[in-house]
Amino acid sequence: MDITQRQITKIAREVGKFTARTMKAEGVGTAEFDLIHVVRKNPGITQAEICKSLGADKGAVAKQTANLEAKGYLRRESNPTDGRSQLIYPTERAQSLKNSKAHIETLFYEWLAEALTEEEREEFARLLDVLYHRCKEESKAGFPEVTARVKERE
């Protein structure tokens, strides 16, 4: 039984809604945020690699990439090792978009934590850090423990 009742997911969803609503003023949608994030983390990535990373359709990624390039968030360069593909890089505008998204999320979480006392905030942050590090270790290992639990329930 999940004692958290998926409340971490529910809070993150609400933060995501607020962030998307706020960032929409810059003309970037949620799927485009995800694509920009992939390119920021992997400058010089190809569209095929973006598709694989996002698990997205080739046509959808091509359209989003072209839109983001037209809006000034991405730029393309010829791929010196493969004349058929291009390498995609984030622009300064994409970098500032990430900072602004992180800023909005930070403000939301600061507001949310105001419901706790200073002592409660410190303990919550400590416990959250424990869970975050456990999550990152599992992710880096390829999710073996969680995958095994999913397979046990099939």
C-alpha atoms as a PDB file:
ATOM      1  CA  MET A   1       0.000   0.000   0.000  1.00  0.00           C
ATOM      2  CA  ASP A   2       1.288   3.439  -0.963  1.00  0.00           C
ATOM      3  CA  ILE A   3       1.264   5.497   2.231  1.00  0.00           C
ATOM      4  CA  THR A   4       2.089   8.634   0.228  1.00  0.00           C
ATOM      5  CA  GLN A   5      -1.158   8.296  -1.767  1.00  0.00           C
ATOM      6  CA  ARG A   6       0.884   9.552  -4.727  1.00  0.00           C
ATOM      7  CA  GLN A   7       0.836  13.039  -3.239  1.00  0.00           C
ATOM      8  CA  ILE A   8       4.344  13.807  -4.543  1.00  0.00           C
ATOM      9  CA  THR A   9       3.013  13.178  -8.056  1.00  0.00           C
ATOM     10  CA  LYS A  10      -0.102  15.239  -7.385  1.00  0.00           C
ATOM     11  CA  ILE A  11       1.903  18.201  -6.084  1.00  0.00           C
ATOM     12  CA  ALA A  12       4.300  17.988  -9.037  1.00  0.00           C
ATOM     13  CA  ARG A  13       1.319  17.915 -11.413  1.00  0.00           C
ATOM     14  CA  GLU A  14      -0.102  21.114  -9.885  1.00  0.00           C
ATOM     15  CA  VAL A  15       3.303  22.825 -10.068  1.00  0.00           C
ATOM     16  CA  GLY A  16       3.525  21.705 -13.696  1.00  0.00           C
ATOM     17  CA  LYS A  17       0.099  23.175 -14.474  1.00  0.00           C
ATOM     18  CA  PHE A  18       1.031  26.502 -12.925  1.00  0.00           C
ATOM     19  CA  THR A  19       4.416  26.573 -14.658  1.00  0.00           C
ATOM     20  CA  ALA A  20       2.905  25.683 -18.045  1.00  0.00           C
ATOM     21  CA  ARG A  21       0.248  28.373 -17.639  1.00  0.00           C
ATOM     22  CA  THR A  22       2.856  30.955 -16.687  1.00  0.00           C
ATOM     23  CA  MET A  23       5.317  29.968 -19.431  1.00  0.00           C
ATOM     24  CA  LYS A  24       2.620  29.858 -22.101  1.00  0.00           C
ATOM     25  CA  ALA A  25       2.989  33.632 -22.201  1.00  0.00           C
ATOM     26  CA  GLU A  26       6.403  32.989 -23.805  1.00  0.00           C
ATOM     27  CA  GLY A  27       4.722  30.897 -26.504  1.00  0.00           C
ATOM     28  CA  VAL A  28       6.127  27.497 -25.491  1.00  0.00           C
ATOM     29  CA  GLY A  29       3.942  24.475 -24.752  1.00  0.00           C
ATOM     30  CA  THR A  30       4.557  21.573 -22.390  1.00  0.00           C
ATOM     31  CA  ALA A  31       5.831  19.171 -25.065  1.00  0.00           C
ATOM     32  CA  GLU A  32       8.138  21.902 -26.332  1.00  0.00           C
ATOM     33  CA  PHE A  33       9.506  22.366 -22.773  1.00  0.00           C
ATOM     34  CA  ASP A  34      10.398  18.670 -22.772  1.00  0.00           C
ATOM     35  CA  LEU A  35      12.125  18.905 -26.147  1.00  0.00           C
ATOM     36  CA  ILE A  36      14.113  21.993 -25.102  1.00  0.00           C
ATOM     37  CA  HIS A  37      15.164  20.169 -21.930  1.00  0.00           C
ATOM     38  CA  VAL A  38      16.495  17.212 -23.942  1.00  0.00           C
ATOM     39  CA  VAL A  39      18.459  19.525 -26.252  1.00  0.00           C
ATOM     40  CA  ARG A  40      19.833  21.518 -23.309  1.00  0.00           C
ATOM     41  CA  LYS A  41      21.047  18.307 -21.669  1.00  0.00           C
ATOM     42  CA  ASN A  42      22.435  16.961 -24.974  1.00  0.00           C
ATOM     43  CA  PRO A  43      23.673  19.852 -27.140  1.00  0.00           C
ATOM     44  CA  GLY A  44      24.431  18.668 -30.659  1.00  0.00           C
ATOM     45  CA  ILE A  45      21.741  15.975 -30.555  1.00  0.00           C
ATOM     46  CA  THR A  46      20.015  14.771 -33.737  1.00  0.00           C
ATOM     47  CA  GLN A  47      16.246  14.682 -34.279  1.00  0.00           C
ATOM     48  CA  ALA A  48      16.390  10.882 -34.319  1.00  0.00           C
ATOM     49  CA  GLU A  49      18.046  10.920 -30.889  1.00  0.00           C
ATOM     50  CA  ILE A  50      15.411  13.365 -29.614  1.00  0.00           C
ATOM     51  CA  CYS A  51      12.677  10.981 -30.803  1.00  0.00           C
ATOM     52  CA  LYS A  52      14.325   8.119 -28.962  1.00  0.00           C
ATOM     53  CA  SER A  53      14.856  10.151 -25.791  1.00  0.00           C
ATOM     54  CA  LEU A  54      11.276  11.432 -25.679  1.00  0.00           C
ATOM     55  CA  GLY A  55       9.668   8.291 -27.080  1.00  0.00           C
ATOM     56  CA  ALA A  56       7.992  10.614 -29.556  1.00  0.00           C
ATOM     57  CA  ASP A  57       6.892  10.368 -33.173  1.00  0.00           C
ATOM     58  CA  LYS A  58       9.381  11.533 -35.835  1.00  0.00           C
ATOM     59  CA  GLY A  59       6.858  13.892 -37.425  1.00  0.00           C
ATOM     60  CA  ALA A  60       5.892  15.493 -34.112  1.00  0.00           C
ATOM     61  CA  VAL A  61       9.536  16.065 -33.175  1.00  0.00           C
ATOM     62  CA  ALA A  62      10.302  17.526 -36.619  1.00  0.00           C
ATOM     63  CA  LYS A  63       7.375  19.960 -36.289  1.00  0.00           C
ATOM     64  CA  GLN A  64       8.266  20.967 -32.716  1.00  0.00           C
ATOM     65  CA  THR A  65      11.932  21.399 -33.596  1.00  0.00           C
ATOM     66  CA  ALA A  66      11.076  23.621 -36.573  1.00  0.00           C
ATOM     67  CA  ASN A  67       8.670  25.681 -34.427  1.00  0.00           C
ATOM     68  CA  LEU A  68      11.245  26.109 -31.658  1.00  0.00           C
ATOM     69  CA  GLU A  69      13.892  27.073 -34.192  1.00  0.00           C
ATOM     70  CA  ALA A  70      11.539  29.695 -35.673  1.00  0.00           C
ATOM     71  CA  LYS A  71      10.855  31.043 -32.165  1.00  0.00           C
ATOM     72  CA  GLY A  72      14.592  31.340 -31.522  1.00  0.00           C
ATOM     73  CA  TYR A  73      14.995  28.551 -28.937  1.00  0.00           C
ATOM     74  CA  LEU A  74      17.005  26.099 -31.071  1.00  0.00           C
ATOM     75  CA  ARG A  75      19.580  26.280 -33.854  1.00  0.00           C
ATOM     76  CA  ARG A  76      20.825  23.669 -36.310  1.00  0.00           C
ATOM     77  CA  GLU A  77      24.250  22.873 -37.687  1.00  0.00           C
ATOM     78  CA  SER A  78      25.317  20.388 -40.336  1.00  0.00           C
ATOM     79  CA  ASN A  79      26.437  17.059 -38.939  1.00  0.00           C
ATOM     80  CA  PRO A  80      30.091  16.644 -40.043  1.00  0.00           C
ATOM     81  CA  THR A  81      29.906  12.850 -39.656  1.00  0.00           C
ATOM     82  CA  ASP A  82      26.555  12.358 -41.432  1.00  0.00           C
ATOM     83  CA  GLY A  83      25.487  14.667 -44.233  1.00  0.00           C
ATOM     84  CA  ARG A  84      21.881  13.488 -43.962  1.00  0.00           C
ATOM     85  CA  SER A  85      21.299  14.771 -40.423  1.00  0.00           C
ATOM     86  CA  GLN A  86      21.705  18.001 -38.538  1.00  0.00           C
ATOM     87  CA  LEU A  87      22.837  18.670 -35.006  1.00  0.00           C
ATOM     88  CA  ILE A  88      20.489  20.652 -32.790  1.00  0.00           C
ATOM     89  CA  TYR A  89      21.687  23.095 -30.136  1.00  0.00           C
ATOM     90  CA  PRO A  90      19.911  25.314 -27.595  1.00  0.00           C
ATOM     91  CA  THR A  91      20.174  29.074 -28.021  1.00  0.00           C
ATOM     92  CA  GLU A  92      20.630  31.613 -25.237  1.00  0.00           C
ATOM     93  CA  ARG A  93      16.859  32.076 -25.314  1.00  0.00           C
ATOM     94  CA  ALA A  94      16.432  28.366 -24.501  1.00  0.00           C
ATOM     95  CA  GLN A  95      18.893  28.706 -21.622  1.00  0.00           C
ATOM     96  CA  SER A  96      16.982  31.646 -20.162  1.00  0.00           C
ATOM     97  CA  LEU A  97      13.679  29.778 -20.590  1.00  0.00           C
ATOM     98  CA  LYS A  98      15.027  26.976 -18.420  1.00  0.00           C
ATOM     99  CA  ASN A  99      16.111  29.462 -15.777  1.00  0.00           C
ATOM    100  CA  SER A 100      12.747  31.127 -15.828  1.00  0.00           C
ATOM    101  CA  LYS A 101      10.925  27.782 -15.551  1.00  0.00           C
ATOM    102  CA  ALA A 102      13.132  26.808 -12.609  1.00  0.00           C
ATOM    103  CA  HIS A 103      12.465  30.218 -11.043  1.00  0.00           C
ATOM    104  CA  ILE A 104       8.692  29.759 -11.305  1.00  0.00           C
ATOM    105  CA  GLU A 105       8.903  26.263  -9.795  1.00  0.00           C
ATOM    106  CA  THR A 106      11.099  27.581  -6.960  1.00  0.00           C
ATOM    107  CA  LEU A 107       8.610  30.318  -6.138  1.00  0.00           C
ATOM    108  CA  PHE A 108       5.756  27.797  -6.082  1.00  0.00           C
ATOM    109  CA  TYR A 109       7.620  25.391  -3.770  1.00  0.00           C
ATOM    110  CA  GLU A 110       8.668  28.255  -1.473  1.00  0.00           C
ATOM    111  CA  TRP A 111       5.035  29.337  -1.242  1.00  0.00           C
ATOM    112  CA  LEU A 112       3.929  25.762  -0.551  1.00  0.00           C
ATOM    113  CA  ALA A 113       6.512  25.244   2.213  1.00  0.00           C
ATOM    114  CA  GLU A 114       5.307  28.365   4.037  1.00  0.00           C
ATOM    115  CA  ALA A 115       2.562  26.157   5.501  1.00  0.00           C
ATOM    116  CA  LEU A 116       5.246  24.457   7.624  1.00  0.00           C
ATOM    117  CA  THR A 117       7.231  25.745  10.575  1.00  0.00           C
ATOM    118  CA  GLU A 118      10.949  26.347  10.064  1.00  0.00           C
ATOM    119  CA  GLU A 119      11.728  23.111  11.940  1.00  0.00           C
ATOM    120  CA  GLU A 120       9.223  21.153   9.823  1.00  0.00           C
ATOM    121  CA  ARG A 121      10.678  22.615   6.605  1.00  0.00           C
ATOM    122  CA  GLU A 122      14.185  21.544   7.599  1.00  0.00           C
ATOM    123  CA  GLU A 123      13.072  17.998   8.460  1.00  0.00           C
ATOM    124  CA  PHE A 124      10.975  17.755   5.293  1.00  0.00           C
ATOM    125  CA  ALA A 125      13.930  18.917   3.179  1.00  0.00           C
ATOM    126  CA  ARG A 126      16.206  16.373   4.881  1.00  0.00           C
ATOM    127  CA  LEU A 127      13.776  13.499   4.254  1.00  0.00           C
ATOM    128  CA  LEU A 128      13.114  14.607   0.697  1.00  0.00           C
ATOM    129  CA  ASP A 129      16.868  14.597   0.068  1.00  0.00           C
ATOM    130  CA  VAL A 130      17.058  10.984   1.265  1.00  0.00           C
ATOM    131  CA  LEU A 131      14.289   9.986  -1.148  1.00  0.00           C
ATOM    132  CA  TYR A 132      15.788  11.994  -4.014  1.00  0.00           C
ATOM    133  CA  HIS A 133      19.184  10.286  -3.696  1.00  0.00           C
ATOM    134  CA  ARG A 134      17.552   6.841  -3.541  1.00  0.00           C
ATOM    135  CA  CYS A 135      15.571   7.710  -6.682  1.00  0.00           C
ATOM    136  CA  LYS A 136      18.649   8.967  -8.580  1.00  0.00           C
ATOM    137  CA  GLU A 137      20.662   5.866  -7.683  1.00  0.00           C
ATOM    138  CA  GLU A 138      17.855   3.615  -8.923  1.00  0.00           C
ATOM    139  CA  SER A 139      17.562   5.648 -12.124  1.00  0.00           C
ATOM    140  CA  LYS A 140      21.311   5.545 -12.825  1.00  0.00           C
ATOM    141  CA  ALA A 141      21.257   1.772 -12.354  1.00  0.00           C
ATOM    142  CA  GLY A 142      18.460   1.416 -14.926  1.00  0.00           C
ATOM    143  CA  PHE A 143      15.614   0.913 -12.404  1.00  0.00           C
ATOM    144  CA  PRO A 144      16.356  -2.749 -11.514  1.00  0.00           C
ATOM    145  CA  GLU A 145      14.578  -2.810  -8.126  1.00  0.00           C
ATOM    146  CA  VAL A 146      11.427  -1.046  -9.276  1.00  0.00           C
ATOM    147  CA  THR A 147      11.288  -3.062 -12.506  1.00  0.00           C
ATOM    148  CA  ALA A 148      11.465  -6.292 -10.486  1.00  0.00           C
ATOM    149  CA  ARG A 149       8.545  -5.130  -8.329  1.00  0.00           C
ATOM    150  CA  VAL A 150       6.475  -4.289 -11.401  1.00  0.00           C
ATOM    151  CA  LYS A 151       7.179  -7.744 -12.853  1.00  0.00           C
ATOM    152  CA  GLU A 152       6.219  -9.412  -9.559  1.00  0.00           C
ATOM    153  CA  ARG A 153       2.764  -7.842  -9.805  1.00  0.00           C
ATOM    154  CA  GLU A 154       2.113  -8.880 -13.419  1.00  0.00           C
END
